[in-house]
């Protein structure tokens, strides 16, 4: 089986230990611009979740209450939201290429 891994190329993720691990395990790294959230739709999901979990400035009294809210929110991410993010990928990629890896409107 051939594996392809996507990382954000942040400096902390470029340790020789990690590079060695990927090489030794024949894992291909997906080449993309450094720290480009435009190519990582999970960043949009994290933002959506944070807004839902902390709606109206809600604060949690316990770690368990926060954990429960996070898992409940994660389990209720609308399928339509995920479909929109997935279908936006060709446009995101095209715009990132056109901006030479710079910021896009996403």
N, C-alpha and C. Protein backbone atom coordinates (compact mmCIF):
# COMPACT_ATOMS: atom_id res chain seq x y z
N UNK A 1 0.85 -1.18 0.00
CA UNK A 1 0.00 0.00 0.00
C UNK A 1 0.89 1.24 0.00
N UNK A 2 0.51 2.25 -0.76
CA UNK A 2 1.25 3.50 -0.85
C UNK A 2 0.53 4.58 -0.05
N UNK A 3 1.27 5.24 0.84
CA UNK A 3 0.70 6.28 1.69
C UNK A 3 1.17 7.65 1.24
N UNK A 4 0.27 8.64 1.31
CA UNK A 4 0.60 10.03 1.07
C UNK A 4 0.14 10.79 2.30
N UNK A 5 1.02 11.62 2.84
CA UNK A 5 0.73 12.35 4.07
C UNK A 5 0.79 13.84 3.79
N UNK A 6 -0.17 14.59 4.32
CA UNK A 6 -0.16 16.04 4.18
C UNK A 6 0.16 16.67 5.52
N UNK A 7 1.18 17.51 5.54
CA UNK A 7 1.47 18.30 6.72
C UNK A 7 1.57 19.75 6.28
N UNK A 8 1.55 20.66 7.24
CA UNK A 8 1.50 22.07 6.86
C UNK A 8 2.86 22.71 6.64
N UNK A 9 3.92 21.94 6.71
CA UNK A 9 5.28 22.43 6.49
C UNK A 9 5.73 23.47 7.51
N UNK A 10 5.02 23.56 8.62
CA UNK A 10 5.47 24.46 9.69
C UNK A 10 6.83 23.99 10.18
N UNK A 11 7.65 24.91 10.60
CA UNK A 11 9.03 24.60 11.00
C UNK A 11 9.08 23.49 12.05
N UNK A 12 8.14 23.50 13.00
CA UNK A 12 8.16 22.49 14.06
C UNK A 12 7.85 21.09 13.54
N UNK A 13 7.27 21.00 12.35
CA UNK A 13 6.94 19.69 11.78
C UNK A 13 8.02 19.18 10.83
N UNK A 14 9.09 19.94 10.67
CA UNK A 14 10.14 19.57 9.73
C UNK A 14 11.38 18.98 10.41
N UNK A 15 11.20 18.37 11.54
CA UNK A 15 12.32 17.76 12.26
C UNK A 15 12.90 16.60 11.45
N UNK A 16 14.21 16.41 11.57
CA UNK A 16 14.87 15.29 10.87
C UNK A 16 14.27 13.95 11.27
N UNK A 17 13.85 13.84 12.52
CA UNK A 17 13.24 12.60 13.00
C UNK A 17 11.98 12.27 12.19
N UNK A 18 11.16 13.30 11.93
CA UNK A 18 9.95 13.06 11.15
C UNK A 18 10.29 12.73 9.70
N UNK A 19 11.21 13.47 9.13
CA UNK A 19 11.60 13.20 7.74
C UNK A 19 12.15 11.79 7.60
N UNK A 20 12.96 11.38 8.57
CA UNK A 20 13.51 10.01 8.56
C UNK A 20 12.38 8.98 8.65
N UNK A 21 11.42 9.23 9.53
CA UNK A 21 10.30 8.30 9.68
C UNK A 21 9.55 8.13 8.36
N UNK A 22 9.23 9.24 7.70
CA UNK A 22 8.50 9.15 6.44
C UNK A 22 9.31 8.41 5.38
N UNK A 23 10.58 8.72 5.30
CA UNK A 23 11.45 8.07 4.31
C UNK A 23 11.56 6.56 4.59
N UNK A 24 11.82 6.19 5.84
CA UNK A 24 11.98 4.78 6.21
C UNK A 24 10.71 3.97 6.00
N UNK A 25 9.55 4.63 6.05
CA UNK A 25 8.28 3.93 5.90
C UNK A 25 7.64 4.15 4.53
N UNK A 26 8.44 4.68 3.59
CA UNK A 26 7.97 4.90 2.22
C UNK A 26 6.67 5.69 2.16
N UNK A 27 6.61 6.75 2.95
CA UNK A 27 5.44 7.61 2.97
C UNK A 27 5.78 8.87 2.18
N UNK A 28 4.99 9.15 1.16
CA UNK A 28 5.18 10.33 0.33
C UNK A 28 4.56 11.53 1.02
N UNK A 29 5.29 12.64 1.03
CA UNK A 29 4.75 13.88 1.58
C UNK A 29 4.15 14.70 0.44
N UNK A 30 2.93 15.15 0.64
CA UNK A 30 2.25 15.99 -0.34
C UNK A 30 2.89 17.37 -0.33
N UNK A 31 3.40 17.79 -1.46
CA UNK A 31 4.06 19.09 -1.57
C UNK A 31 3.00 20.17 -1.70
N UNK A 32 3.06 21.15 -0.82
CA UNK A 32 2.15 22.29 -0.89
C UNK A 32 2.76 23.46 -0.13
N UNK A 33 2.21 24.65 -0.31
CA UNK A 33 2.81 25.83 0.33
C UNK A 33 2.85 25.71 1.85
N UNK A 34 3.86 26.33 2.45
CA UNK A 34 4.03 26.32 3.89
C UNK A 34 2.84 26.97 4.58
N UNK A 35 2.35 26.29 5.62
CA UNK A 35 1.30 26.84 6.49
C UNK A 35 0.11 27.37 5.71
N UNK A 36 -0.39 26.63 4.75
CA UNK A 36 -1.49 27.10 3.92
C UNK A 36 -2.82 26.50 4.38
N UNK A 37 -3.54 27.21 5.27
CA UNK A 37 -4.85 26.71 5.70
C UNK A 37 -5.85 26.65 4.55
N UNK A 38 -5.54 27.38 3.45
CA UNK A 38 -6.43 27.36 2.30
C UNK A 38 -6.52 25.97 1.69
N UNK A 39 -5.49 25.15 1.91
CA UNK A 39 -5.49 23.80 1.36
C UNK A 39 -5.85 22.76 2.40
N UNK A 40 -6.25 23.18 3.57
CA UNK A 40 -6.57 22.26 4.64
C UNK A 40 -7.95 22.60 5.21
N UNK A 41 -8.99 22.02 4.63
CA UNK A 41 -10.35 22.38 5.05
C UNK A 41 -10.64 22.10 6.52
N UNK A 42 -9.85 21.27 7.18
CA UNK A 42 -10.10 21.00 8.60
C UNK A 42 -10.00 22.29 9.41
N UNK A 43 -9.19 23.26 8.92
CA UNK A 43 -9.07 24.54 9.61
C UNK A 43 -10.42 25.24 9.67
N UNK A 44 -11.20 25.14 8.60
CA UNK A 44 -12.55 25.73 8.59
C UNK A 44 -13.47 25.01 9.57
N UNK A 45 -13.31 23.70 9.66
CA UNK A 45 -14.13 22.92 10.59
C UNK A 45 -13.79 23.29 12.02
N UNK A 46 -12.46 23.43 12.34
CA UNK A 46 -12.09 23.82 13.71
C UNK A 46 -12.70 25.17 14.07
N UNK A 47 -12.66 26.12 13.14
CA UNK A 47 -13.24 27.44 13.40
C UNK A 47 -14.73 27.37 13.63
N UNK A 48 -15.42 26.60 12.80
CA UNK A 48 -16.87 26.42 12.96
C UNK A 48 -17.18 25.80 14.32
N UNK A 49 -16.40 24.78 14.68
CA UNK A 49 -16.63 24.10 15.97
C UNK A 49 -16.39 25.04 17.14
N UNK A 50 -15.32 25.82 17.08
CA UNK A 50 -15.03 26.75 18.17
C UNK A 50 -16.17 27.74 18.36
N UNK A 51 -16.72 28.24 17.25
CA UNK A 51 -17.85 29.18 17.35
C UNK A 51 -19.07 28.50 17.95
N UNK A 52 -19.32 27.25 17.59
CA UNK A 52 -20.48 26.52 18.14
C UNK A 52 -20.29 26.21 19.62
N UNK A 53 -19.11 25.71 19.98
CA UNK A 53 -18.84 25.32 21.37
C UNK A 53 -18.92 26.53 22.30
N UNK A 54 -18.41 27.66 21.84
CA UNK A 54 -18.37 28.86 22.69
C UNK A 54 -19.43 29.89 22.30
N UNK A 55 -20.53 29.41 21.71
CA UNK A 55 -21.62 30.28 21.28
C UNK A 55 -22.07 31.19 22.42
N UNK A 56 -22.29 32.46 22.10
CA UNK A 56 -22.71 33.47 23.08
C UNK A 56 -21.72 33.60 24.23
N UNK A 57 -20.44 33.36 23.96
CA UNK A 57 -19.42 33.51 24.98
C UNK A 57 -19.44 32.45 26.06
N UNK A 58 -20.07 31.32 25.78
CA UNK A 58 -20.19 30.25 26.79
C UNK A 58 -18.82 29.79 27.28
N UNK A 59 -18.69 29.70 28.58
CA UNK A 59 -17.47 29.19 29.22
C UNK A 59 -17.84 27.92 29.99
N UNK A 60 -16.88 27.03 30.14
CA UNK A 60 -17.13 25.75 30.79
C UNK A 60 -16.49 25.71 32.16
N UNK A 61 -17.17 25.07 33.08
CA UNK A 61 -16.69 24.99 34.46
C UNK A 61 -15.75 23.82 34.68
N UNK A 62 -15.85 22.80 33.82
CA UNK A 62 -14.99 21.63 33.98
C UNK A 62 -14.44 21.20 32.62
N UNK A 63 -13.34 20.50 32.67
CA UNK A 63 -12.75 19.95 31.45
C UNK A 63 -13.72 18.96 30.82
N UNK A 64 -14.39 18.17 31.66
CA UNK A 64 -15.33 17.17 31.15
C UNK A 64 -16.50 17.82 30.40
N UNK A 65 -16.99 18.95 30.91
CA UNK A 65 -18.08 19.66 30.23
C UNK A 65 -17.61 20.18 28.87
N UNK A 66 -16.39 20.72 28.81
CA UNK A 66 -15.84 21.19 27.55
C UNK A 66 -15.65 20.02 26.59
N UNK A 67 -15.10 18.93 27.10
CA UNK A 67 -14.88 17.73 26.28
C UNK A 67 -16.19 17.25 25.68
N UNK A 68 -17.23 17.18 26.50
CA UNK A 68 -18.54 16.73 26.03
C UNK A 68 -19.08 17.66 24.95
N UNK A 69 -18.93 18.97 25.15
CA UNK A 69 -19.40 19.93 24.15
C UNK A 69 -18.64 19.77 22.83
N UNK A 70 -17.34 19.54 22.91
CA UNK A 70 -16.54 19.37 21.70
C UNK A 70 -16.97 18.11 20.95
N UNK A 71 -17.13 17.00 21.66
CA UNK A 71 -17.53 15.75 21.00
C UNK A 71 -18.94 15.84 20.43
N UNK A 72 -19.84 16.49 21.16
CA UNK A 72 -21.21 16.66 20.66
C UNK A 72 -21.20 17.49 19.38
N UNK A 73 -20.42 18.57 19.40
CA UNK A 73 -20.33 19.44 18.23
C UNK A 73 -19.72 18.68 17.06
N UNK A 74 -18.62 17.95 17.31
CA UNK A 74 -17.97 17.16 16.26
C UNK A 74 -18.94 16.16 15.64
N UNK A 75 -19.73 15.52 16.46
CA UNK A 75 -20.67 14.52 15.95
C UNK A 75 -21.85 15.13 15.21
N UNK A 76 -21.99 16.45 15.28
CA UNK A 76 -23.10 17.12 14.62
C UNK A 76 -22.66 18.10 13.54
N UNK A 77 -21.44 17.92 13.04
CA UNK A 77 -21.01 18.74 11.90
C UNK A 77 -21.93 18.39 10.74
N UNK A 78 -22.61 19.38 10.16
CA UNK A 78 -23.54 19.08 9.07
C UNK A 78 -22.84 18.48 7.85
N UNK A 79 -23.42 17.44 7.33
CA UNK A 79 -22.88 16.79 6.14
C UNK A 79 -22.77 17.80 4.99
N UNK A 80 -23.73 18.69 4.89
CA UNK A 80 -23.71 19.69 3.82
C UNK A 80 -22.49 20.60 3.93
N UNK A 81 -22.06 20.92 5.16
CA UNK A 81 -20.87 21.75 5.38
C UNK A 81 -19.64 21.02 4.87
N UNK A 82 -19.54 19.73 5.19
CA UNK A 82 -18.40 18.93 4.72
C UNK A 82 -18.39 18.82 3.20
N UNK A 83 -19.57 18.67 2.61
CA UNK A 83 -19.66 18.57 1.15
C UNK A 83 -19.22 19.86 0.48
N UNK A 84 -19.60 21.01 1.06
CA UNK A 84 -19.19 22.30 0.51
C UNK A 84 -17.67 22.44 0.58
N UNK A 85 -17.09 22.06 1.74
CA UNK A 85 -15.64 22.14 1.87
C UNK A 85 -14.94 21.24 0.86
N UNK A 86 -15.42 20.02 0.73
CA UNK A 86 -14.79 19.09 -0.22
C UNK A 86 -14.92 19.60 -1.65
N UNK A 87 -16.07 20.10 -2.01
CA UNK A 87 -16.27 20.56 -3.39
C UNK A 87 -15.51 21.85 -3.68
N UNK A 88 -15.09 22.56 -2.65
CA UNK A 88 -14.34 23.81 -2.86
C UNK A 88 -12.86 23.56 -3.13
N UNK A 89 -12.39 22.34 -2.95
CA UNK A 89 -10.96 22.06 -3.07
C UNK A 89 -10.37 22.40 -4.44
N UNK A 90 -11.00 22.04 -5.55
CA UNK A 90 -10.40 22.42 -6.84
C UNK A 90 -10.20 23.94 -6.97
N UNK A 91 -11.19 24.72 -6.52
CA UNK A 91 -11.07 26.18 -6.59
C UNK A 91 -9.98 26.68 -5.64
N UNK A 92 -9.89 26.07 -4.46
CA UNK A 92 -8.86 26.46 -3.50
C UNK A 92 -7.47 26.22 -4.09
N UNK A 93 -7.28 25.04 -4.64
CA UNK A 93 -5.98 24.68 -5.22
C UNK A 93 -5.62 25.64 -6.35
N UNK A 94 -6.58 25.92 -7.23
CA UNK A 94 -6.35 26.82 -8.35
C UNK A 94 -5.95 28.20 -7.84
N UNK A 95 -6.66 28.71 -6.83
CA UNK A 95 -6.37 30.05 -6.31
C UNK A 95 -5.01 30.10 -5.62
N UNK A 96 -4.66 29.05 -4.85
CA UNK A 96 -3.35 29.01 -4.19
C UNK A 96 -2.24 29.02 -5.24
N UNK A 97 -2.43 28.25 -6.32
CA UNK A 97 -1.43 28.23 -7.39
C UNK A 97 -1.31 29.62 -8.02
N UNK A 98 -2.45 30.25 -8.31
CA UNK A 98 -2.42 31.57 -8.92
C UNK A 98 -1.80 32.63 -8.02
N UNK A 99 -1.90 32.44 -6.71
CA UNK A 99 -1.33 33.40 -5.75
C UNK A 99 0.08 32.98 -5.32
N UNK A 100 0.64 31.98 -6.01
CA UNK A 100 1.98 31.48 -5.69
C UNK A 100 2.13 31.12 -4.22
N UNK A 101 1.09 30.51 -3.66
CA UNK A 101 1.13 30.07 -2.27
C UNK A 101 0.72 31.13 -1.28
N UNK A 102 0.39 32.31 -1.77
CA UNK A 102 -0.02 33.40 -0.87
C UNK A 102 -1.45 33.25 -0.42
N UNK A 103 -1.89 34.22 0.38
CA UNK A 103 -3.24 34.18 0.94
C UNK A 103 -4.30 34.27 -0.16
N UNK A 104 -5.40 33.58 0.07
CA UNK A 104 -6.53 33.61 -0.85
C UNK A 104 -7.74 34.14 -0.09
N UNK A 105 -8.86 34.21 -0.77
CA UNK A 105 -10.08 34.70 -0.10
C UNK A 105 -10.74 33.61 0.76
N UNK A 106 -10.20 32.41 0.76
CA UNK A 106 -10.75 31.35 1.57
C UNK A 106 -10.31 31.50 3.00
